[in-house]
Amino acid sequence: MNLKTLYRTFAIGLVGAALSAGTVLSGDASAAELRVAHSSNPGQSVYIYWDEFAKRVNERAGGEIELAVFPSGQLGGDEQIQRGLKAGTVHFGSGSSSNMGIVSDAYAWGDLPYVFKSPEDAEKVFNDEVISQYISDKMRADAGTVVLGHVEVGGFRILINTQRELKTPGDVSGMKFRMLSNPIDQALLSSWGGNPVAMPWSETFVSIEQGVADGLQLQPQAIAGFGFDKMIRYGTHTKTLMTVHVAQINADTWDGLSPELQKIMTDASAEALKIANDADRADAAQFMDQLAGNISFYTPTEQEFEEWRAAALTVWDKFRDKIDADVLNRVVEVQQ
């Protein structure tokens, strides 16, 4: 489909949808402006990805389209962006794989504790053809999006809090932690004896600040990037969860692009992913050094680690019937 046809589709066939999606024609009608939304701040891998992606697309599209990036939650947090992608009010965007449950169960298996052995193993999983096809099909059908790639966001999350050092799950008893709205995430905290408090990302900082929650699980880059080290005093390396940001484009927007523009975006995404993921891995040690000035980090002994793991693995049995067994088996197999 060429650009004139795309415009005609927006202007005639889908006027209401186009307007709600914020499609804007420039003064000379030479470019369609498409919105890119994400919640990350400068220096973070997701910010780098979309900056590099948009720069490449805008340079190579020959004026046919223009991507306008709205970072730092300007158009909402992950959940709002994901809903916007499905509704078509956002053309491009990303959100944590753990937040995908609001629109699809494509990543439900990824919410299980200890499902990934390492960042390198996670990369193998997402690059596996079978798993990749499963995710693509599910996200298009459920979320109305086409997946462009998976952006690494700091490796394993750290269990952080404002109150005390946590050496074993027993130390979590009675504490309140901000958890995602998905039931697996909440069941994990409950398995450790804590009290999960579901809340959107946009409310998290203030909730920790005001004591509504005592802590949360977050990667080093995010702890530093969002300023949680101003309040958090303790962190435990449980190596339980590792999520990625799912970069996407609204499926109708994708289908309305010419094959040439689709290839431009596919190539741009691959290049931007390498830059962003390389930066993410390189920054990990730097952020830990930075955070160590304000936060006391604890690494469990082998015996203590097994206590964390054994308690968390009880969550698998509770949700096996809600997760595609073939996909989960494939995830485990790829990491052997």
Protein backbone atom coordinates (compact mmCIF):
# COMPACT_ATOMS: atom_id res chain seq x y z
CA MET A 1 0.00 0.00 0.00
CA ASN A 2 1.55 3.36 -0.97
CA LEU A 3 1.36 6.49 1.13
CA LYS A 4 -1.51 8.07 -0.80
CA THR A 5 -3.59 4.98 -0.21
CA LEU A 6 -2.64 5.05 3.46
CA TYR A 7 -3.79 8.65 3.74
CA ARG A 8 -7.02 7.83 1.93
CA THR A 9 -7.64 4.99 4.39
CA PHE A 10 -7.12 7.30 7.34
CA ALA A 11 -9.08 10.18 5.85
CA ILE A 12 -12.05 8.34 4.38
CA GLY A 13 -12.40 4.84 5.76
CA LEU A 14 -11.15 5.35 9.32
CA VAL A 15 -11.68 9.01 10.08
CA GLY A 16 -12.73 8.52 13.68
CA ALA A 17 -9.95 6.03 14.44
CA ALA A 18 -7.34 8.20 12.77
CA LEU A 19 -8.32 11.26 14.75
CA SER A 20 -8.40 9.40 18.04
CA ALA A 21 -4.98 7.96 17.23
CA GLY A 22 -3.62 11.45 16.80
CA THR A 23 -2.63 11.00 13.14
CA VAL A 24 -1.48 14.39 11.92
CA LEU A 25 -0.71 15.52 8.39
CA SER A 26 1.93 18.18 7.96
CA GLY A 27 1.08 21.43 6.23
CA ASP A 28 1.99 20.11 2.78
CA ALA A 29 0.46 16.69 3.45
CA SER A 30 3.86 15.09 2.82
CA ALA A 31 4.24 13.14 6.05
CA ALA A 32 2.05 11.29 8.50
CA GLU A 33 3.07 11.87 12.12
CA LEU A 34 2.95 8.70 14.20
CA ARG A 35 3.14 8.71 17.98
CA VAL A 36 5.75 6.75 19.93
CA ALA A 37 5.13 6.50 23.68
CA HIS A 38 7.20 5.02 26.50
CA SER A 39 7.74 5.59 30.21
CA SER A 40 11.55 5.58 30.43
CA ASN A 41 13.96 8.43 31.08
CA PRO A 42 17.14 9.54 29.28
CA GLY A 43 20.01 7.09 29.65
CA GLN A 44 17.78 4.06 30.14
CA SER A 45 17.78 1.27 27.56
CA VAL A 46 14.14 1.74 26.52
CA TYR A 47 14.73 5.45 25.97
CA ILE A 48 17.83 4.65 23.90
CA TYR A 49 15.95 2.07 21.84
CA TRP A 50 13.11 4.37 20.82
CA ASP A 51 15.45 7.31 20.21
CA GLU A 52 17.64 5.21 17.91
CA PHE A 53 14.64 3.57 16.25
CA ALA A 54 12.85 6.84 15.50
CA LYS A 55 16.02 8.49 14.25
CA ARG A 56 16.65 5.69 11.75
CA VAL A 57 13.05 5.48 10.56
CA ASN A 58 12.79 9.24 10.09
CA GLU A 59 16.07 9.34 8.18
CA ARG A 60 15.15 6.45 5.87
CA ALA A 61 11.44 7.00 5.28
CA GLY A 62 12.02 9.76 2.75
CA GLY A 63 9.46 12.05 4.32
CA GLU A 64 6.61 9.56 3.98
CA ILE A 65 6.13 9.26 7.73
CA GLU A 66 7.52 11.06 10.77
CA LEU A 67 7.81 9.45 14.20
CA ALA A 68 7.26 11.76 17.18
CA VAL A 69 8.56 10.30 20.45
CA PHE A 70 6.83 11.04 23.77
CA PRO A 71 9.14 9.68 26.51
CA SER A 72 9.12 9.65 30.30
CA GLY A 73 5.46 8.75 30.69
CA GLN A 74 4.16 11.83 28.88
CA LEU A 75 1.31 9.72 27.47
CA GLY A 76 0.98 7.53 30.55
CA GLY A 77 2.64 4.56 32.20
CA ASP A 78 3.07 1.08 30.76
CA GLU A 79 -0.54 0.03 31.27
CA GLN A 80 -1.97 3.18 29.72
CA ILE A 81 0.41 2.89 26.78
CA GLN A 82 -0.53 -0.75 26.24
CA ARG A 83 -4.21 0.11 26.21
CA GLY A 84 -3.47 2.99 23.86
CA LEU A 85 -1.66 0.64 21.49
CA LYS A 86 -4.63 -1.69 21.40
CA ALA A 87 -7.10 1.16 20.90
CA GLY A 88 -4.93 2.86 18.28
CA THR A 89 -4.47 6.09 20.23
CA VAL A 90 -0.74 5.27 20.31
CA HIS A 91 1.02 3.97 17.19
CA PHE A 92 4.28 2.71 18.72
CA GLY A 93 5.08 1.95 22.33
CA SER A 94 6.55 -0.44 24.82
CA GLY A 95 5.78 -1.87 28.20
CA SER A 96 7.19 -4.38 30.62
CA SER A 97 6.46 -7.97 29.67
CA SER A 98 5.00 -8.33 33.17
CA ASN A 99 2.38 -5.74 32.29
CA MET A 100 1.24 -7.53 29.14
CA GLY A 101 -1.38 -9.42 31.13
CA ILE A 102 -3.78 -6.51 30.80
CA VAL A 103 -4.15 -7.30 27.09
CA SER A 104 -2.73 -10.80 26.49
CA ASP A 105 -1.35 -13.90 28.20
CA ALA A 106 1.42 -14.16 25.60
CA TYR A 107 4.04 -13.52 28.28
CA ALA A 108 2.32 -15.20 31.24
CA TRP A 109 5.03 -17.84 31.39
CA GLY A 110 7.63 -15.08 31.79
CA ASP A 111 6.01 -13.96 35.05
CA LEU A 112 6.86 -17.26 36.73
CA PRO A 113 9.66 -16.92 39.29
CA TYR A 114 13.03 -18.33 38.26
CA VAL A 115 11.84 -19.05 34.71
CA PHE A 116 15.06 -17.48 33.36
CA LYS A 117 18.49 -18.71 34.40
CA SER A 118 20.40 -15.66 33.15
CA PRO A 119 20.10 -12.67 30.80
CA GLU A 120 21.90 -14.68 28.14
CA ASP A 121 19.38 -17.51 28.48
CA ALA A 122 16.51 -15.03 28.24
CA GLU A 123 17.94 -13.78 24.95
CA LYS A 124 17.99 -17.37 23.66
CA VAL A 125 14.35 -17.79 24.63
CA PHE A 126 13.11 -14.65 22.86
CA ASN A 127 15.15 -15.46 19.76
CA ASP A 128 13.82 -19.01 19.54
CA GLU A 129 11.67 -19.36 16.41
CA VAL A 130 8.91 -21.34 18.09
CA ILE A 131 8.54 -18.99 21.04
CA SER A 132 8.90 -15.91 18.85
CA GLN A 133 6.10 -17.09 16.55
CA TYR A 134 3.87 -17.92 19.50
CA ILE A 135 4.37 -14.44 20.97
CA SER A 136 3.80 -12.72 17.63
CA ASP A 137 0.56 -14.59 16.95
CA LYS A 138 -0.80 -14.04 20.46
CA MET A 139 0.06 -10.35 20.62
CA ARG A 140 -1.53 -9.61 17.25
CA ALA A 141 -4.68 -11.52 18.17
CA ASP A 142 -5.02 -10.30 21.76
CA ALA A 143 -3.26 -6.94 21.99
CA GLY A 144 -3.71 -5.78 18.40
CA THR A 145 0.02 -5.15 18.01
CA VAL A 146 3.02 -6.36 16.05
CA VAL A 147 6.08 -7.05 18.21
CA LEU A 148 9.23 -5.26 17.02
CA GLY A 149 11.62 -6.61 19.63
CA HIS A 150 12.50 -7.10 23.28
CA VAL A 151 14.54 -4.46 25.08
CA GLU A 152 16.63 -5.56 28.05
CA VAL A 153 16.03 -3.49 31.17
CA GLY A 154 18.70 -4.32 33.68
CA GLY A 155 18.63 -8.06 34.15
CA PHE A 156 17.26 -9.50 37.37
CA ARG A 157 15.12 -7.38 39.64
CA ILE A 158 16.30 -6.65 43.17
CA LEU A 159 13.93 -6.90 46.13
CA ILE A 160 14.27 -3.43 47.66
CA ASN A 161 12.66 -1.81 50.70
CA THR A 162 12.82 1.08 53.14
CA GLN A 163 12.65 -0.92 56.37
CA ARG A 164 15.22 -3.70 56.95
CA GLU A 165 17.68 -6.21 55.52
CA LEU A 166 16.01 -9.28 54.04
CA LYS A 167 18.15 -12.41 54.21
CA THR A 168 15.42 -15.04 53.91
CA PRO A 169 11.71 -15.11 53.02
CA GLY A 170 10.96 -15.12 56.74
CA ASP A 171 12.25 -11.56 56.94
CA VAL A 172 9.57 -10.43 54.47
CA SER A 173 6.70 -11.43 56.74
CA GLY A 174 4.16 -8.66 57.21
CA MET A 175 5.84 -6.20 54.85
CA LYS A 176 3.94 -4.44 52.07
CA PHE A 177 5.40 -4.51 48.58
CA ARG A 178 4.18 -2.84 45.43
CA MET A 179 3.48 -5.61 42.97
CA LEU A 180 2.01 -5.67 39.49
CA SER A 181 -1.71 -6.21 39.00
CA ASN A 182 -1.15 -9.68 37.57
CA PRO A 183 -1.95 -12.57 39.95
CA ILE A 184 1.35 -14.41 39.46
CA ASP A 185 3.34 -11.42 40.67
CA GLN A 186 1.11 -11.09 43.72
CA ALA A 187 1.28 -14.82 44.45
CA LEU A 188 5.08 -14.60 44.45
CA LEU A 189 5.13 -12.00 47.23
CA SER A 190 2.56 -13.98 49.17
CA SER A 191 4.75 -17.10 48.89
CA TRP A 192 7.41 -15.18 50.81
CA GLY A 193 4.95 -14.11 53.50
CA GLY A 194 4.56 -10.52 52.39
CA ASN A 195 1.50 -8.43 51.60
CA PRO A 196 1.22 -7.50 47.90
CA VAL A 197 -0.12 -4.04 47.10
CA ALA A 198 -1.20 -3.74 43.46
CA MET A 199 -0.80 -0.27 42.00
CA PRO A 200 0.01 1.35 38.65
CA TRP A 201 3.57 2.44 38.03
CA SER A 202 2.59 6.11 38.04
CA GLU A 203 1.65 5.88 41.73
CA THR A 204 4.58 3.80 42.92
CA PHE A 205 7.15 6.46 43.85
CA VAL A 206 4.71 8.48 45.95
CA SER A 207 3.35 5.31 47.59
CA ILE A 208 6.82 4.25 48.71
CA GLU A 209 7.55 7.80 49.83
CA GLN A 210 4.36 7.93 51.91
CA GLY A 211 4.71 4.41 53.32
CA VAL A 212 1.71 2.94 51.52
CA ALA A 213 4.18 0.24 50.46
CA ASP A 214 7.53 -0.66 52.03
CA GLY A 215 9.25 -1.65 48.82
CA LEU A 216 9.13 -3.30 45.40
CA GLN A 217 11.18 -5.35 42.95
CA LEU A 218 13.16 -3.34 40.43
CA GLN A 219 16.26 -3.48 38.26
CA PRO A 220 19.34 -1.38 39.19
CA GLN A 221 18.95 0.99 36.22
CA ALA A 222 15.33 1.68 37.11
CA ILE A 223 16.13 2.17 40.81
CA ALA A 224 18.62 4.86 39.86
CA GLY A 225 16.77 6.24 36.85
CA PHE A 226 13.52 6.85 38.74
CA GLY A 227 15.23 8.09 41.92
CA PHE A 228 14.17 5.31 44.28
CA ASP A 229 17.61 5.38 45.91
CA LYS A 230 16.49 8.59 47.60
CA MET A 231 14.18 6.47 49.81
CA ILE A 232 15.26 2.82 49.55
CA ARG A 233 17.85 1.62 52.06
CA TYR A 234 17.98 -2.16 51.59
CA GLY A 235 18.16 -4.54 48.64
CA THR A 236 18.39 -8.33 48.28
CA HIS A 237 19.65 -10.15 45.18
CA THR A 238 17.08 -12.96 44.94
CA LYS A 239 17.53 -13.37 41.14
CA THR A 240 13.85 -14.22 40.93
CA LEU A 241 12.44 -12.18 38.08
CA MET A 242 13.76 -10.68 34.90
CA THR A 243 11.51 -8.83 32.52
CA VAL A 244 12.02 -7.07 29.22
CA HIS A 245 10.22 -4.22 27.52
CA VAL A 246 8.14 -5.31 24.56
CA ALA A 247 8.53 -2.84 21.68
CA GLN A 248 5.39 -2.81 19.51
CA ILE A 249 3.48 -1.10 16.76
CA ASN A 250 -0.31 -1.03 16.45
CA ALA A 251 -1.22 -3.82 14.01
CA ASP A 252 -3.53 -1.65 11.90
CA THR A 253 -0.77 0.94 11.58
CA TRP A 254 1.68 -1.78 10.55
CA ASP A 255 -0.72 -3.26 8.00
CA GLY A 256 -1.25 0.18 6.49
CA LEU A 257 2.45 0.63 5.72
CA SER A 258 4.11 -0.33 2.47
CA PRO A 259 6.47 -3.34 2.46
CA GLU A 260 9.33 -0.87 2.02
CA LEU A 261 8.40 1.04 5.17
CA GLN A 262 7.89 -2.20 7.08
CA LYS A 263 11.41 -3.30 6.15
CA ILE A 264 12.79 0.07 7.20
CA MET A 265 11.19 -0.43 10.60
CA THR A 266 12.33 -4.03 10.95
CA ASP A 267 15.91 -3.07 10.15
CA ALA A 268 15.79 0.00 12.38
CA SER A 269 14.48 -2.08 15.27
CA ALA A 270 17.25 -4.66 14.97
CA GLU A 271 19.91 -1.95 14.95
CA ALA A 272 18.33 -0.03 17.83
CA LEU A 273 17.97 -3.21 19.90
CA LYS A 274 21.66 -3.98 19.65
CA ILE A 275 22.61 -0.47 20.72
CA ALA A 276 20.12 -0.39 23.59
CA ASN A 277 20.85 -3.89 24.89
CA ASP A 278 24.61 -3.43 24.69
CA ALA A 279 24.25 -0.20 26.65
CA ASP A 280 22.00 -1.89 29.21
CA ARG A 281 24.51 -4.63 29.94
CA ALA A 282 27.45 -2.23 30.06
CA ASP A 283 25.65 0.03 32.52
CA ALA A 284 24.71 -2.67 35.05
CA ALA A 285 27.92 -2.52 37.11
CA GLN A 286 27.98 1.26 36.93
CA PHE A 287 24.49 1.58 38.36
CA MET A 288 25.23 -0.88 41.16
CA ASP A 289 28.29 1.16 42.16
CA GLN A 290 26.17 4.30 42.08
CA LEU A 291 23.41 2.79 44.21
CA ALA A 292 25.79 1.28 46.75
CA GLY A 293 26.32 4.73 48.20
CA ASN A 294 22.73 4.85 49.46
CA ILE A 295 21.52 1.25 49.54
CA SER A 296 22.86 -1.73 51.47
CA PHE A 297 22.72 -4.79 49.18
CA TYR A 298 22.64 -8.34 50.46
CA THR A 299 23.52 -11.50 48.52
CA PRO A 300 21.95 -14.60 50.10
CA THR A 301 24.11 -17.59 50.94
CA GLU A 302 23.51 -20.76 48.93
CA GLN A 303 21.22 -22.13 51.65
CA GLU A 304 19.32 -18.84 51.95
CA PHE A 305 18.95 -18.64 48.19
CA GLU A 306 17.35 -22.08 48.14
CA GLU A 307 14.80 -20.85 50.70
CA TRP A 308 13.84 -17.97 48.40
CA ARG A 309 13.68 -20.27 45.40
CA ALA A 310 11.79 -23.14 47.04
CA ALA A 311 9.07 -20.83 48.34
CA ALA A 312 8.73 -19.04 45.00
CA LEU A 313 8.52 -22.22 42.93
CA THR A 314 5.25 -23.13 44.64
CA VAL A 315 3.75 -20.44 42.40
CA TRP A 316 4.38 -22.62 39.33
CA ASP A 317 1.94 -25.28 40.53
CA LYS A 318 -0.77 -22.69 41.17
CA PHE A 319 -0.70 -21.35 37.62
CA ARG A 320 0.28 -24.29 35.41
CA ASP A 321 -3.29 -24.68 34.17
CA LYS A 322 -3.29 -21.05 32.99
CA ILE A 323 -0.09 -21.29 30.94
CA ASP A 324 0.43 -23.11 27.65
CA ALA A 325 2.34 -26.22 28.70
CA ASP A 326 4.06 -26.62 25.32
CA VAL A 327 5.39 -23.07 25.43
CA LEU A 328 6.62 -23.39 29.00
CA ASN A 329 8.34 -26.69 28.19
CA ARG A 330 9.99 -25.03 25.19
CA VAL A 331 11.22 -22.13 27.38
CA VAL A 332 12.81 -24.61 29.77
CA GLU A 333 14.25 -26.69 26.92
CA VAL A 334 15.89 -23.73 25.18
CA GLN A 335 17.84 -22.97 28.36
CA GLN A 336 19.21 -26.51 28.84
